[in-house]
């Protein structure tokens, strides 16, 4: 499912117009992004947790030349699925 398909599903389930559904989804994505940029965790009970993980600097290798290079420290977004989402995707009774 891509963003346009998600907008259509939200529009159908909420009765909002496609334009209003797109605005709502974009606002939600922007709020999640802003919280992560500020270093805050976003917890959506039953769905999951968006967080930021810090990766320390490390030594990597250039695959072409095999030369050692220093990879700088960085922050990466992570998502951990909640229990309800995990159970919906992989029910235990299979």
PDB file of N, CA and C in Angstrom:
ATOM      1  N   UNK A   1       0.848  -1.172   0.000  1.00  0.00           N
ATOM      2  CA  UNK A   1       0.000   0.000   0.000  1.00  0.00           C
ATOM      3  C   UNK A   1       0.894   1.235   0.000  1.00  0.00           C
ATOM      4  N   UNK A   2       0.586   2.162  -0.887  1.00  0.00           N
ATOM      5  CA  UNK A   2       1.337   3.409  -0.907  1.00  0.00           C
ATOM      6  C   UNK A   2       0.497   4.515  -0.261  1.00  0.00           C
ATOM      7  N   UNK A   3       1.027   5.729  -0.235  1.00  0.00           N
ATOM      8  CA  UNK A   3       0.360   6.834   0.452  1.00  0.00           C
ATOM      9  C   UNK A   3      -1.000   7.149  -0.167  1.00  0.00           C
ATOM     10  N   UNK A   4      -1.097   7.147  -1.493  1.00  0.00           N
ATOM     11  CA  UNK A   4      -2.363   7.450  -2.166  1.00  0.00           C
ATOM     12  C   UNK A   4      -3.428   6.411  -1.805  1.00  0.00           C
ATOM     13  N   UNK A   5      -3.027   5.148  -1.755  1.00  0.00           N
ATOM     14  CA  UNK A   5      -3.970   4.093  -1.377  1.00  0.00           C
ATOM     15  C   UNK A   5      -4.399   4.236   0.083  1.00  0.00           C
ATOM     16  N   UNK A   6      -3.461   4.613   0.942  1.00  0.00           N
ATOM     17  CA  UNK A   6      -3.786   4.835   2.352  1.00  0.00           C
ATOM     18  C   UNK A   6      -4.782   5.980   2.497  1.00  0.00           C
ATOM     19  N   UNK A   7      -4.596   7.037   1.750  1.00  0.00           N
ATOM     20  CA  UNK A   7      -5.517   8.175   1.774  1.00  0.00           C
ATOM     21  C   UNK A   7      -6.916   7.719   1.354  1.00  0.00           C
ATOM     22  N   UNK A   8      -7.006   6.884   0.334  1.00  0.00           N
ATOM     23  CA  UNK A   8      -8.300   6.376  -0.126  1.00  0.00           C
ATOM     24  C   UNK A   8      -8.984   5.538   0.952  1.00  0.00           C
ATOM     25  N   UNK A   9      -8.224   4.692   1.628  1.00  0.00           N
ATOM     26  CA  UNK A   9      -8.790   3.858   2.687  1.00  0.00           C
ATOM     27  C   UNK A   9      -9.288   4.724   3.838  1.00  0.00           C
ATOM     28  N   UNK A  10      -8.479   5.698   4.253  1.00  0.00           N
ATOM     29  CA  UNK A  10      -8.883   6.594   5.350  1.00  0.00           C
ATOM     30  C   UNK A  10     -10.126   7.372   4.952  1.00  0.00           C
ATOM     31  N   UNK A  11     -10.165   7.849   3.741  1.00  0.00           N
ATOM     32  CA  UNK A  11     -11.318   8.585   3.250  1.00  0.00           C
ATOM     33  C   UNK A  11     -12.575   7.720   3.298  1.00  0.00           C
ATOM     34  N   UNK A  12     -12.459   6.479   2.848  1.00  0.00           N
ATOM     35  CA  UNK A  12     -13.599   5.567   2.852  1.00  0.00           C
ATOM     36  C   UNK A  12     -14.086   5.208   4.239  1.00  0.00           C
ATOM     37  N   UNK A  13     -13.149   5.041   5.187  1.00  0.00           N
ATOM     38  CA  UNK A  13     -13.529   4.634   6.541  1.00  0.00           C
ATOM     39  C   UNK A  13     -14.046   5.789   7.391  1.00  0.00           C
ATOM     40  N   UNK A  14     -13.599   7.006   7.103  1.00  0.00           N
ATOM     41  CA  UNK A  14     -13.996   8.140   7.932  1.00  0.00           C
ATOM     42  C   UNK A  14     -15.111   8.977   7.335  1.00  0.00           C
ATOM     43  N   UNK A  15     -15.324   8.848   6.033  1.00  0.00           N
ATOM     44  CA  UNK A  15     -16.318   9.684   5.381  1.00  0.00           C
ATOM     45  C   UNK A  15     -15.792  11.072   5.044  1.00  0.00           C
ATOM     46  N   UNK A  16     -14.510  11.316   5.311  1.00  0.00           N
ATOM     47  CA  UNK A  16     -13.891  12.589   4.948  1.00  0.00           C
ATOM     48  C   UNK A  16     -13.581  12.592   3.460  1.00  0.00           C
ATOM     49  N   UNK A  17     -13.439  13.766   2.898  1.00  0.00           N
ATOM     50  CA  UNK A  17     -13.037  13.845   1.494  1.00  0.00           C
ATOM     51  C   UNK A  17     -11.583  13.376   1.385  1.00  0.00           C
ATOM     52  N   UNK A  18     -11.181  13.048   0.161  1.00  0.00           N
ATOM     53  CA  UNK A  18      -9.791  12.623  -0.050  1.00  0.00           C
ATOM     54  C   UNK A  18      -8.832  13.738   0.346  1.00  0.00           C
ATOM     55  N   UNK A  19      -9.207  14.969   0.036  1.00  0.00           N
ATOM     56  CA  UNK A  19      -8.343  16.112   0.354  1.00  0.00           C
ATOM     57  C   UNK A  19      -8.183  16.270   1.871  1.00  0.00           C
ATOM     58  N   UNK A  20      -9.300  16.140   2.617  1.00  0.00           N
ATOM     59  CA  UNK A  20      -9.242  16.250   4.078  1.00  0.00           C
ATOM     60  C   UNK A  20      -8.481  15.073   4.684  1.00  0.00           C
ATOM     61  N   UNK A  21      -8.658  13.888   4.121  1.00  0.00           N
ATOM     62  CA  UNK A  21      -7.924  12.714   4.600  1.00  0.00           C
ATOM     63  C   UNK A  21      -6.432  12.888   4.394  1.00  0.00           C
ATOM     64  N   UNK A  22      -6.059  13.447   3.242  1.00  0.00           N
ATOM     65  CA  UNK A  22      -4.638  13.693   2.962  1.00  0.00           C
ATOM     66  C   UNK A  22      -4.068  14.706   3.952  1.00  0.00           C
ATOM     67  N   UNK A  23      -4.829  15.765   4.234  1.00  0.00           N
ATOM     68  CA  UNK A  23      -4.378  16.766   5.211  1.00  0.00           C
ATOM     69  C   UNK A  23      -4.188  16.141   6.590  1.00  0.00           C
ATOM     70  N   UNK A  24      -5.132  15.283   6.994  1.00  0.00           N
ATOM     71  CA  UNK A  24      -5.042  14.632   8.306  1.00  0.00           C
ATOM     72  C   UNK A  24      -3.827  13.715   8.392  1.00  0.00           C
ATOM     73  N   UNK A  25      -3.609  12.913   7.344  1.00  0.00           N
ATOM     74  CA  UNK A  25      -2.450  12.022   7.340  1.00  0.00           C
ATOM     75  C   UNK A  25      -1.145  12.805   7.336  1.00  0.00           C
ATOM     76  N   UNK A  26      -1.070  13.848   6.513  1.00  0.00           N
ATOM     77  CA  UNK A  26       0.144  14.668   6.473  1.00  0.00           C
ATOM     78  C   UNK A  26       0.404  15.332   7.821  1.00  0.00           C
ATOM     79  N   UNK A  27      -0.653  15.785   8.494  1.00  0.00           N
ATOM     80  CA  UNK A  27      -0.496  16.395   9.816  1.00  0.00           C
ATOM     81  C   UNK A  27       0.029  15.372  10.819  1.00  0.00           C
ATOM     82  N   UNK A  28      -0.481  14.145  10.751  1.00  0.00           N
ATOM     83  CA  UNK A  28      -0.014  13.088  11.657  1.00  0.00           C
ATOM     84  C   UNK A  28       1.459  12.766  11.391  1.00  0.00           C
ATOM     85  N   UNK A  29       1.811  12.631  10.107  1.00  0.00           N
ATOM     86  CA  UNK A  29       3.209  12.337   9.765  1.00  0.00           C
ATOM     87  C   UNK A  29       4.132  13.474  10.194  1.00  0.00           C
ATOM     88  N   UNK A  30       3.687  14.707   9.993  1.00  0.00           N
ATOM     89  CA  UNK A  30       4.493  15.866  10.395  1.00  0.00           C
ATOM     90  C   UNK A  30       4.688  15.914  11.906  1.00  0.00           C
ATOM     91  N   UNK A  31       3.638  15.581  12.666  1.00  0.00           N
ATOM     92  CA  UNK A  31       3.736  15.588  14.126  1.00  0.00           C
ATOM     93  C   UNK A  31       4.703  14.508  14.612  1.00  0.00           C
ATOM     94  N   UNK A  32       4.641  13.334  14.007  1.00  0.00           N
ATOM     95  CA  UNK A  32       5.562  12.255  14.375  1.00  0.00           C
ATOM     96  C   UNK A  32       6.994  12.661  14.044  1.00  0.00           C
ATOM     97  N   UNK A  33       7.200  13.225  12.859  1.00  0.00           N
ATOM     98  CA  UNK A  33       8.533  13.653  12.448  1.00  0.00           C
ATOM     99  C   UNK A  33       9.084  14.728  13.381  1.00  0.00           C
ATOM    100  N   UNK A  34       8.266  15.712  13.729  1.00  0.00           N
ATOM    101  CA  UNK A  34       8.710  16.795  14.609  1.00  0.00           C
ATOM    102  C   UNK A  34       9.092  16.257  15.987  1.00  0.00           C
ATOM    103  N   UNK A  35       8.327  15.307  16.502  1.00  0.00           N
ATOM    104  CA  UNK A  35       8.653  14.718  17.806  1.00  0.00           C
ATOM    105  C   UNK A  35       9.964  13.957  17.759  1.00  0.00           C
ATOM    106  N   UNK A  36      10.173  13.202  16.692  1.00  0.00           N
ATOM    107  CA  UNK A  36      11.425  12.448  16.560  1.00  0.00           C
ATOM    108  C   UNK A  36      12.613  13.385  16.397  1.00  0.00           C
ATOM    109  N   UNK A  37      12.437  14.483  15.641  1.00  0.00           N
ATOM    110  CA  UNK A  37      13.513  15.466  15.485  1.00  0.00           C
ATOM    111  C   UNK A  37      13.900  16.063  16.826  1.00  0.00           C
ATOM    112  N   UNK A  38      12.907  16.232  17.709  1.00  0.00           N
ATOM    113  CA  UNK A  38      13.155  16.795  19.034  1.00  0.00           C
ATOM    114  C   UNK A  38      13.693  15.751  20.013  1.00  0.00           C
ATOM    115  N   UNK A  39      13.854  14.512  19.543  1.00  0.00           N
ATOM    116  CA  UNK A  39      14.383  13.457  20.400  1.00  0.00           C
ATOM    117  C   UNK A  39      13.337  12.804  21.280  1.00  0.00           C
ATOM    118  N   UNK A  40      12.065  13.038  20.983  1.00  0.00           N
ATOM    119  CA  UNK A  40      10.977  12.460  21.779  1.00  0.00           C
ATOM    120  C   UNK A  40      10.510  11.145  21.164  1.00  0.00           C
ATOM    121  N   UNK A  41       9.980  10.283  22.015  1.00  0.00           N
ATOM    122  CA  UNK A  41       9.414   9.011  21.601  1.00  0.00           C
ATOM    123  C   UNK A  41       7.935   9.223  21.300  1.00  0.00           C
ATOM    124  N   UNK A  42       7.403   8.551  20.280  1.00  0.00           N
ATOM    125  CA  UNK A  42       5.986   8.631  19.944  1.00  0.00           C
ATOM    126  C   UNK A  42       5.383   7.246  20.165  1.00  0.00           C
ATOM    127  N   UNK A  43       4.494   7.128  21.171  1.00  0.00           N
ATOM    128  CA  UNK A  43       3.873   5.856  21.504  1.00  0.00           C
ATOM    129  C   UNK A  43       2.418   5.865  21.066  1.00  0.00           C
ATOM    130  N   UNK A  44       2.054   4.923  20.215  1.00  0.00           N
ATOM    131  CA  UNK A  44       0.677   4.752  19.782  1.00  0.00           C
ATOM    132  C   UNK A  44       0.223   3.396  20.320  1.00  0.00           C
ATOM    133  N   UNK A  45      -0.511   3.416  21.427  1.00  0.00           N
ATOM    134  CA  UNK A  45      -0.894   2.195  22.134  1.00  0.00           C
ATOM    135  C   UNK A  45      -1.623   1.246  21.186  1.00  0.00           C
ATOM    136  N   UNK A  46      -1.178   0.002  21.168  1.00  0.00           N
ATOM    137  CA  UNK A  46      -1.761  -1.018  20.316  1.00  0.00           C
ATOM    138  C   UNK A  46      -1.151  -1.065  18.926  1.00  0.00           C
ATOM    139  N   UNK A  47      -0.475   0.008  18.519  1.00  0.00           N
ATOM    140  CA  UNK A  47       0.142   0.040  17.191  1.00  0.00           C
ATOM    141  C   UNK A  47       1.646  -0.115  17.287  1.00  0.00           C
ATOM    142  N   UNK A  48       2.304   0.778  18.030  1.00  0.00           N
ATOM    143  CA  UNK A  48       3.745   0.675  18.167  1.00  0.00           C
ATOM    144  C   UNK A  48       4.385   1.952  18.663  1.00  0.00           C
ATOM    145  N   UNK A  49       5.703   1.949  18.670  1.00  0.00           N
ATOM    146  CA  UNK A  49       6.487   3.064  19.187  1.00  0.00           C
ATOM    147  C   UNK A  49       7.494   3.496  18.130  1.00  0.00           C
ATOM    148  N   UNK A  50       7.498   4.796  17.832  1.00  0.00           N
ATOM    149  CA  UNK A  50       8.523   5.393  16.987  1.00  0.00           C
ATOM    150  C   UNK A  50       9.546   6.019  17.927  1.00  0.00           C
ATOM    151  N   UNK A  51      10.822   5.788  17.670  1.00  0.00           N
ATOM    152  CA  UNK A  51      11.868   6.330  18.533  1.00  0.00           C
ATOM    153  C   UNK A  51      13.088   6.653  17.680  1.00  0.00           C
ATOM    154  N   UNK A  52      14.073   7.287  18.293  1.00  0.00           N
ATOM    155  CA  UNK A  52      15.321   7.611  17.611  1.00  0.00           C
ATOM    156  C   UNK A  52      16.444   6.877  18.329  1.00  0.00           C
ATOM    157  N   UNK A  53      17.275   6.206  17.556  1.00  0.00           N
ATOM    158  CA  UNK A  53      18.409   5.478  18.111  1.00  0.00           C
ATOM    159  C   UNK A  53      19.686   6.163  17.656  1.00  0.00           C
ATOM    160  N   UNK A  54      20.626   6.287  18.546  1.00  0.00           N
ATOM    161  CA  UNK A  54      21.914   6.897  18.210  1.00  0.00           C
ATOM    162  C   UNK A  54      22.905   5.794  17.863  1.00  0.00           C
ATOM    163  N   UNK A  55      23.549   5.946  16.718  1.00  0.00           N
ATOM    164  CA  UNK A  55      24.612   5.029  16.320  1.00  0.00           C
ATOM    165  C   UNK A  55      25.936   5.744  16.505  1.00  0.00           C
ATOM    166  N   UNK A  56      26.829   5.130  17.245  1.00  0.00           N
ATOM    167  CA  UNK A  56      28.144   5.706  17.508  1.00  0.00           C
ATOM    168  C   UNK A  56      29.001   5.636  16.248  1.00  0.00           C
ATOM    169  N   UNK A  57      30.078   6.417  16.250  1.00  0.00           N
ATOM    170  CA  UNK A  57      30.984   6.350  15.092  1.00  0.00           C
ATOM    171  C   UNK A  57      31.633   4.973  15.059  1.00  0.00           C
ATOM    172  N   UNK A  58      31.982   4.547  13.852  1.00  0.00           N
ATOM    173  CA  UNK A  58      32.569   3.221  13.692  1.00  0.00           C
ATOM    174  C   UNK A  58      33.460   3.216  12.454  1.00  0.00           C
ATOM    175  N   UNK A  59      34.199   2.159  12.323  1.00  0.00           N
ATOM    176  CA  UNK A  59      35.064   1.994  11.161  1.00  0.00           C
ATOM    177  C   UNK A  59      34.339   1.088  10.167  1.00  0.00           C
ATOM    178  N   UNK A  60      34.198   1.565   8.948  1.00  0.00           N
ATOM    179  CA  UNK A  60      33.578   0.793   7.881  1.00  0.00           C
ATOM    180  C   UNK A  60      34.577   0.545   6.773  1.00  0.00           C
ATOM    181  N   UNK A  61      34.146  -0.134   5.730  1.00  0.00           N
ATOM    182  CA  UNK A  61      35.026  -0.434   4.594  1.00  0.00           C
ATOM    183  C   UNK A  61      34.357   0.011   3.304  1.00  0.00           C
ATOM    184  N   UNK A  62      35.150   0.644   2.434  1.00  0.00           N
ATOM    185  CA  UNK A  62      34.685   0.968   1.101  1.00  0.00           C
ATOM    186  C   UNK A  62      34.661  -0.346   0.330  1.00  0.00           C
ATOM    187  N   UNK A  63      33.488  -0.774  -0.174  1.00  0.00           N
ATOM    188  CA  UNK A  63      33.423  -2.082  -0.829  1.00  0.00           C
ATOM    189  C   UNK A  63      34.283  -2.187  -2.096  1.00  0.00           C
ATOM    190  N   UNK A  64      34.522  -1.078  -2.769  1.00  0.00           N
ATOM    191  CA  UNK A  64      35.333  -1.128  -3.997  1.00  0.00           C
ATOM    192  C   UNK A  64      36.814  -1.243  -3.695  1.00  0.00           C
ATOM    193  N   UNK A  65      37.294  -0.367  -2.797  1.00  0.00           N
ATOM    194  CA  UNK A  65      38.738  -0.309  -2.556  1.00  0.00           C
ATOM    195  C   UNK A  65      39.172  -1.072  -1.321  1.00  0.00           C
ATOM    196  N   UNK A  66      38.225  -1.502  -0.508  1.00  0.00           N
ATOM    197  CA  UNK A  66      38.498  -2.191   0.768  1.00  0.00           C
ATOM    198  C   UNK A  66      39.204  -1.280   1.769  1.00  0.00           C
ATOM    199  N   UNK A  67      39.218   0.017   1.469  1.00  0.00           N
ATOM    200  CA  UNK A  67      39.858   0.991   2.350  1.00  0.00           C
ATOM    201  C   UNK A  67      38.988   1.228   3.585  1.00  0.00           C
ATOM    202  N   UNK A  68      39.624   1.318   4.754  1.00  0.00           N
ATOM    203  CA  UNK A  68      38.902   1.598   5.995  1.00  0.00           C
ATOM    204  C   UNK A  68      38.508   3.073   6.017  1.00  0.00           C
ATOM    205  N   UNK A  69      37.262   3.336   6.357  1.00  0.00           N
ATOM    206  CA  UNK A  69      36.785   4.715   6.473  1.00  0.00           C
ATOM    207  C   UNK A  69      36.038   4.856   7.790  1.00  0.00           C
ATOM    208  N   UNK A  70      36.046   6.069   8.312  1.00  0.00           N
ATOM    209  CA  UNK A  70      35.336   6.318   9.564  1.00  0.00           C
ATOM    210  C   UNK A  70      33.911   6.764   9.230  1.00  0.00           C
ATOM    211  N   UNK A  71      32.942   6.035   9.775  1.00  0.00           N
ATOM    212  CA  UNK A  71      31.535   6.380   9.587  1.00  0.00           C
ATOM    213  C   UNK A  71      31.148   7.257  10.785  1.00  0.00           C
ATOM    214  N   UNK A  72      30.676   8.480  10.532  1.00  0.00           N
ATOM    215  CA  UNK A  72      30.378   9.389  11.638  1.00  0.00           C
ATOM    216  C   UNK A  72      29.160   8.929  12.450  1.00  0.00           C
ATOM    217  N   UNK A  73      29.030   9.421  13.682  1.00  0.00           N
ATOM    218  CA  UNK A  73      27.848   9.074  14.482  1.00  0.00           C
ATOM    219  C   UNK A  73      26.597   9.652  13.827  1.00  0.00           C
ATOM    220  N   UNK A  74      25.488   8.981  14.028  1.00  0.00           N
ATOM    221  CA  UNK A  74      24.242   9.436  13.423  1.00  0.00           C
ATOM    222  C   UNK A  74      23.051   9.013  14.274  1.00  0.00           C
ATOM    223  N   UNK A  75      21.912   9.623  13.996  1.00  0.00           N
ATOM    224  CA  UNK A  75      20.658   9.240  14.645  1.00  0.00           C
ATOM    225  C   UNK A  75      19.757   8.643  13.574  1.00  0.00           C
ATOM    226  N   UNK A  76      19.122   7.510  13.888  1.00  0.00           N
ATOM    227  CA  UNK A  76      18.241   6.854  12.929  1.00  0.00           C
ATOM    228  C   UNK A  76      16.884   6.592  13.570  1.00  0.00           C
ATOM    229  N   UNK A  77      15.807   6.758  12.805  1.00  0.00           N
ATOM    230  CA  UNK A  77      14.484   6.453  13.343  1.00  0.00           C
ATOM    231  C   UNK A  77      14.273   4.937  13.389  1.00  0.00           C
ATOM    232  N   UNK A  78      13.585   4.479  14.433  1.00  0.00           N
ATOM    233  CA  UNK A  78      13.253   3.064  14.548  1.00  0.00           C
ATOM    234  C   UNK A  78      11.770   2.939  14.877  1.00  0.00           C
ATOM    235  N   UNK A  79      11.198   1.787  14.584  1.00  0.00           N
ATOM    236  CA  UNK A  79       9.806   1.501  14.908  1.00  0.00           C
ATOM    237  C   UNK A  79       9.738   0.136  15.552  1.00  0.00           C
ATOM    238  N   UNK A  80       9.053   0.052  16.681  1.00  0.00           N
ATOM    239  CA  UNK A  80       8.848  -1.222  17.354  1.00  0.00           C
ATOM    240  C   UNK A  80       7.346  -1.468  17.399  1.00  0.00           C
ATOM    241  N   UNK A  81       6.904  -2.542  16.766  1.00  0.00           N
ATOM    242  CA  UNK A  81       5.478  -2.859  16.693  1.00  0.00           C
ATOM    243  C   UNK A  81       4.931  -3.201  18.075  1.00  0.00           C
ATOM    244  N   UNK A  82       3.707  -2.742  18.344  1.00  0.00           N
ATOM    245  CA  UNK A  82       3.027  -3.064  19.593  1.00  0.00           C
ATOM    246  C   UNK A  82       2.448  -4.467  19.553  1.00  0.00           C
ATOM    247  N   UNK A  83       2.018  -4.944  20.706  1.00  0.00           N
ATOM    248  CA  UNK A  83       1.513  -6.307  20.829  1.00  0.00           C
ATOM    249  C   UNK A  83       0.305  -6.555  19.915  1.00  0.00           C
ATOM    250  N   UNK A  84      -0.640  -5.622  19.886  1.00  0.00           N
ATOM    251  CA  UNK A  84      -1.837  -5.810  19.063  1.00  0.00           C
ATOM    252  C   UNK A  84      -1.481  -5.905  17.581  1.00  0.00           C
ATOM    253  N   UNK A  85      -0.558  -5.093  17.119  1.00  0.00           N
ATOM    254  CA  UNK A  85      -0.134  -5.137  15.719  1.00  0.00           C
ATOM    255  C   UNK A  85       0.591  -6.442  15.423  1.00  0.00           C
ATOM    256  N   UNK A  86       1.478  -6.854  16.311  1.00  0.00           N
ATOM    257  CA  UNK A  86       2.195  -8.135  16.109  1.00  0.00           C
ATOM    258  C   UNK A  86       1.223  -9.303  16.036  1.00  0.00           C
ATOM    259  N   UNK A  87       0.227  -9.307  16.925  1.00  0.00           N
ATOM    260  CA  UNK A  87      -0.747 -10.407  16.932  1.00  0.00           C
ATOM    261  C   UNK A  87      -1.645 -10.361  15.699  1.00  0.00           C
ATOM    262  N   UNK A  88      -1.973  -9.179  15.199  1.00  0.00           N
ATOM    263  CA  UNK A  88      -2.816  -9.071  14.008  1.00  0.00           C
ATOM    264  C   UNK A  88      -2.080  -9.578  12.774  1.00  0.00           C
ATOM    265  N   UNK A  89      -0.778  -9.347  12.722  1.00  0.00           N
ATOM    266  CA  UNK A  89       0.020  -9.745  11.562  1.00  0.00           C
ATOM    267  C   UNK A  89       0.345 -11.241  11.607  1.00  0.00           C
ATOM    268  N   UNK A  90       0.639 -11.749  12.781  1.00  0.00           N
ATOM    269  CA  UNK A  90       1.038 -13.156  12.922  1.00  0.00           C
ATOM    270  C   UNK A  90       0.256 -13.794  14.070  1.00  0.00           C
ATOM    271  N   UNK A  91      -0.997 -14.174  13.835  1.00  0.00           N
ATOM    272  CA  UNK A  91      -1.788 -14.784  14.913  1.00  0.00           C
ATOM    273  C   UNK A  91      -1.128 -16.061  15.418  1.00  0.00           C
ATOM    274  N   UNK A  92      -1.258 -16.304  16.706  1.00  0.00           N
ATOM    275  CA  UNK A  92      -0.613 -17.457  17.326  1.00  0.00           C
ATOM    276  C   UNK A  92      -1.273 -18.784  16.925  1.00  0.00           C
ATOM    277  N   UNK A  93      -2.509 -18.750  16.441  1.00  0.00           N
ATOM    278  CA  UNK A  93      -3.213 -20.002  16.142  1.00  0.00           C
ATOM    279  C   UNK A  93      -2.893 -20.565  14.754  1.00  0.00           C
ATOM    280  N   UNK A  94      -1.880 -20.063  14.099  1.00  0.00           N
ATOM    281  CA  UNK A  94      -1.523 -20.612  12.775  1.00  0.00           C
ATOM    282  C   UNK A  94      -0.691 -21.846  12.923  1.00  0.00           C
TER     283      UNK A  94
END
